[in-house]
Amino acid sequence: MKSMPMNEKGIEHYRIKSDDGKHVIKGLHYIQNVNELHSRLKHWIHRFKGVASNYLDNYLAWFFICG
């Protein structure tokens, strides 16, 4: 199964530039939360010694189900 771009899946993408002093978008997307989630995901995926991009959607679903 080939991955689809985010916009084709209906997922919105926000860019948060911390160098301009703005750390929040729409009161929902805090740069600290994004960085923390990225850190947890990176640590979680590291145990697999990398993942195949064909199955990335499955790994992400597993990650979010596990909490």
N, C-alpha and C. Protein backbone atom coordinates (compact mmCIF):
# COMPACT_ATOMS: atom_id res chain seq x y z
N MET A 1 0.84 -1.19 0.00
CA MET A 1 0.00 0.00 0.00
C MET A 1 0.88 1.24 0.00
N LYS A 2 0.73 2.06 -0.99
CA LYS A 2 1.54 3.26 -1.09
C LYS A 2 0.90 4.39 -0.28
N SER A 3 1.72 5.15 0.44
CA SER A 3 1.21 6.25 1.24
C SER A 3 0.70 7.37 0.35
N MET A 4 -0.36 8.02 0.81
CA MET A 4 -0.91 9.16 0.11
C MET A 4 -0.44 10.43 0.80
N PRO A 5 -0.27 11.52 0.05
CA PRO A 5 0.07 12.79 0.69
C PRO A 5 -0.99 13.20 1.70
N MET A 6 -0.58 13.97 2.70
CA MET A 6 -1.49 14.35 3.78
C MET A 6 -2.74 15.05 3.27
N ASN A 7 -2.58 15.94 2.28
CA ASN A 7 -3.75 16.69 1.82
C ASN A 7 -4.77 15.79 1.13
N GLU A 8 -4.33 14.68 0.55
CA GLU A 8 -5.26 13.73 -0.06
C GLU A 8 -6.00 12.92 1.00
N LYS A 9 -5.43 12.83 2.20
CA LYS A 9 -6.08 12.11 3.30
C LYS A 9 -6.93 13.04 4.16
N GLY A 10 -6.95 14.32 3.81
CA GLY A 10 -7.74 15.27 4.58
C GLY A 10 -7.07 15.73 5.86
N ILE A 11 -5.75 15.60 5.95
CA ILE A 11 -5.00 16.00 7.14
C ILE A 11 -4.43 17.39 6.90
N GLU A 12 -4.69 18.30 7.85
CA GLU A 12 -4.16 19.65 7.72
C GLU A 12 -2.73 19.69 8.22
N HIS A 13 -1.92 20.49 7.56
CA HIS A 13 -0.52 20.66 7.94
C HIS A 13 -0.31 22.10 8.38
N TYR A 14 0.28 22.27 9.56
CA TYR A 14 0.59 23.60 10.07
C TYR A 14 2.09 23.72 10.25
N ARG A 15 2.63 24.85 9.87
CA ARG A 15 4.04 25.12 10.08
C ARG A 15 4.16 26.11 11.23
N ILE A 16 4.92 25.74 12.25
CA ILE A 16 5.13 26.60 13.41
C ILE A 16 6.59 27.02 13.41
N LYS A 17 6.83 28.29 13.16
CA LYS A 17 8.20 28.81 13.16
C LYS A 17 8.47 29.43 14.52
N SER A 18 9.32 28.79 15.30
CA SER A 18 9.58 29.29 16.64
C SER A 18 10.53 30.47 16.64
N ASP A 19 11.25 30.69 15.55
CA ASP A 19 12.22 31.79 15.54
C ASP A 19 11.56 33.16 15.46
N ASP A 20 10.28 33.23 15.10
CA ASP A 20 9.60 34.53 15.06
C ASP A 20 8.80 34.80 16.33
N GLY A 21 9.00 33.99 17.36
CA GLY A 21 8.35 34.19 18.65
C GLY A 21 6.94 33.63 18.74
N LYS A 22 6.45 33.03 17.68
CA LYS A 22 5.10 32.47 17.68
C LYS A 22 5.21 30.97 17.96
N HIS A 23 4.62 30.55 19.07
CA HIS A 23 4.74 29.15 19.48
C HIS A 23 3.41 28.42 19.48
N VAL A 24 2.33 29.10 19.08
CA VAL A 24 0.99 28.50 19.12
C VAL A 24 0.24 28.86 17.84
N ILE A 25 -0.50 27.90 17.31
CA ILE A 25 -1.36 28.16 16.17
C ILE A 25 -2.78 27.79 16.56
N LYS A 26 -3.69 28.74 16.42
CA LYS A 26 -5.12 28.56 16.71
C LYS A 26 -5.37 28.06 18.14
N GLY A 27 -4.44 28.31 19.05
CA GLY A 27 -4.62 27.89 20.43
C GLY A 27 -4.57 26.39 20.65
N LEU A 28 -4.24 25.63 19.61
CA LEU A 28 -4.26 24.17 19.71
C LEU A 28 -2.90 23.53 19.52
N HIS A 29 -2.12 24.06 18.63
CA HIS A 29 -0.87 23.41 18.22
C HIS A 29 0.32 24.14 18.86
N TYR A 30 0.74 23.67 20.00
CA TYR A 30 1.87 24.25 20.70
C TYR A 30 3.15 23.56 20.22
N ILE A 31 4.18 24.34 19.96
CA ILE A 31 5.45 23.77 19.47
C ILE A 31 6.01 22.76 20.47
N GLN A 32 5.82 23.00 21.77
CA GLN A 32 6.33 22.06 22.78
C GLN A 32 5.64 20.71 22.67
N ASN A 33 4.34 20.71 22.40
CA ASN A 33 3.61 19.45 22.25
C ASN A 33 4.05 18.70 21.01
N VAL A 34 4.27 19.44 19.94
CA VAL A 34 4.74 18.82 18.70
C VAL A 34 6.11 18.20 18.91
N ASN A 35 7.01 18.94 19.56
CA ASN A 35 8.36 18.42 19.81
C ASN A 35 8.33 17.20 20.72
N GLU A 36 7.45 17.21 21.73
CA GLU A 36 7.35 16.07 22.65
C GLU A 36 6.81 14.84 21.94
N LEU A 37 5.80 15.02 21.10
CA LEU A 37 5.25 13.90 20.34
C LEU A 37 6.30 13.33 19.39
N HIS A 38 7.03 14.22 18.72
CA HIS A 38 8.08 13.77 17.81
C HIS A 38 9.15 12.97 18.55
N SER A 39 9.52 13.43 19.73
CA SER A 39 10.52 12.73 20.53
C SER A 39 10.04 11.33 20.93
N ARG A 40 8.78 11.24 21.39
CA ARG A 40 8.23 9.93 21.77
C ARG A 40 8.14 8.99 20.58
N LEU A 41 7.71 9.51 19.43
CA LEU A 41 7.59 8.68 18.22
C LEU A 41 8.96 8.18 17.78
N LYS A 42 9.95 9.07 17.79
CA LYS A 42 11.30 8.69 17.39
C LYS A 42 11.86 7.59 18.30
N HIS A 43 11.65 7.75 19.60
CA HIS A 43 12.11 6.75 20.57
C HIS A 43 11.38 5.42 20.36
N TRP A 44 10.09 5.47 20.09
CA TRP A 44 9.28 4.26 19.89
C TRP A 44 9.71 3.52 18.63
N ILE A 45 9.94 4.24 17.54
CA ILE A 45 10.33 3.61 16.28
C ILE A 45 11.75 3.06 16.34
N HIS A 46 12.59 3.66 17.18
CA HIS A 46 13.99 3.22 17.29
C HIS A 46 14.10 1.74 17.66
N ARG A 47 13.16 1.23 18.45
CA ARG A 47 13.21 -0.17 18.87
C ARG A 47 13.11 -1.14 17.69
N PHE A 48 12.53 -0.66 16.57
CA PHE A 48 12.37 -1.52 15.40
C PHE A 48 13.57 -1.44 14.46
N LYS A 49 14.55 -0.64 14.81
CA LYS A 49 15.74 -0.43 13.96
C LYS A 49 15.33 0.12 12.59
N GLY A 50 14.36 1.01 12.61
CA GLY A 50 13.84 1.60 11.37
C GLY A 50 12.59 0.86 10.93
N VAL A 51 11.81 1.50 10.08
CA VAL A 51 10.58 0.89 9.58
C VAL A 51 10.52 1.05 8.07
N ALA A 52 9.82 0.14 7.42
CA ALA A 52 9.63 0.23 5.98
C ALA A 52 8.59 1.30 5.69
N SER A 53 8.88 2.18 4.75
CA SER A 53 7.95 3.27 4.45
C SER A 53 6.61 2.75 3.95
N ASN A 54 6.60 1.55 3.36
CA ASN A 54 5.33 0.97 2.90
C ASN A 54 4.37 0.73 4.06
N TYR A 55 4.91 0.49 5.25
CA TYR A 55 4.10 0.17 6.42
C TYR A 55 4.05 1.30 7.44
N LEU A 56 4.52 2.48 7.06
CA LEU A 56 4.57 3.59 8.00
C LEU A 56 3.19 3.93 8.57
N ASP A 57 2.16 3.91 7.75
CA ASP A 57 0.80 4.18 8.24
C ASP A 57 0.42 3.19 9.34
N ASN A 58 0.79 1.93 9.18
CA ASN A 58 0.47 0.92 10.19
C ASN A 58 1.22 1.17 11.50
N TYR A 59 2.51 1.52 11.39
CA TYR A 59 3.30 1.82 12.58
C TYR A 59 2.73 3.04 13.31
N LEU A 60 2.34 4.07 12.56
CA LEU A 60 1.78 5.27 13.19
C LEU A 60 0.46 4.96 13.88
N ALA A 61 -0.39 4.15 13.25
CA ALA A 61 -1.64 3.75 13.88
C ALA A 61 -1.37 2.98 15.17
N TRP A 62 -0.40 2.07 15.13
CA TRP A 62 -0.03 1.29 16.31
C TRP A 62 0.46 2.22 17.43
N PHE A 63 1.30 3.18 17.07
CA PHE A 63 1.83 4.14 18.04
C PHE A 63 0.70 4.90 18.73
N PHE A 64 -0.26 5.38 17.95
CA PHE A 64 -1.34 6.17 18.54
C PHE A 64 -2.33 5.31 19.32
N ILE A 65 -2.51 4.06 18.93
CA ILE A 65 -3.38 3.16 19.69
C ILE A 65 -2.76 2.85 21.05
N CYS A 66 -1.44 2.64 21.06
CA CYS A 66 -0.74 2.33 22.31
C CYS A 66 -0.70 3.52 23.26
N GLY A 67 -0.90 4.70 22.73
CA GLY A 67 -0.97 5.89 23.58
C GLY A 67 0.33 6.55 23.71
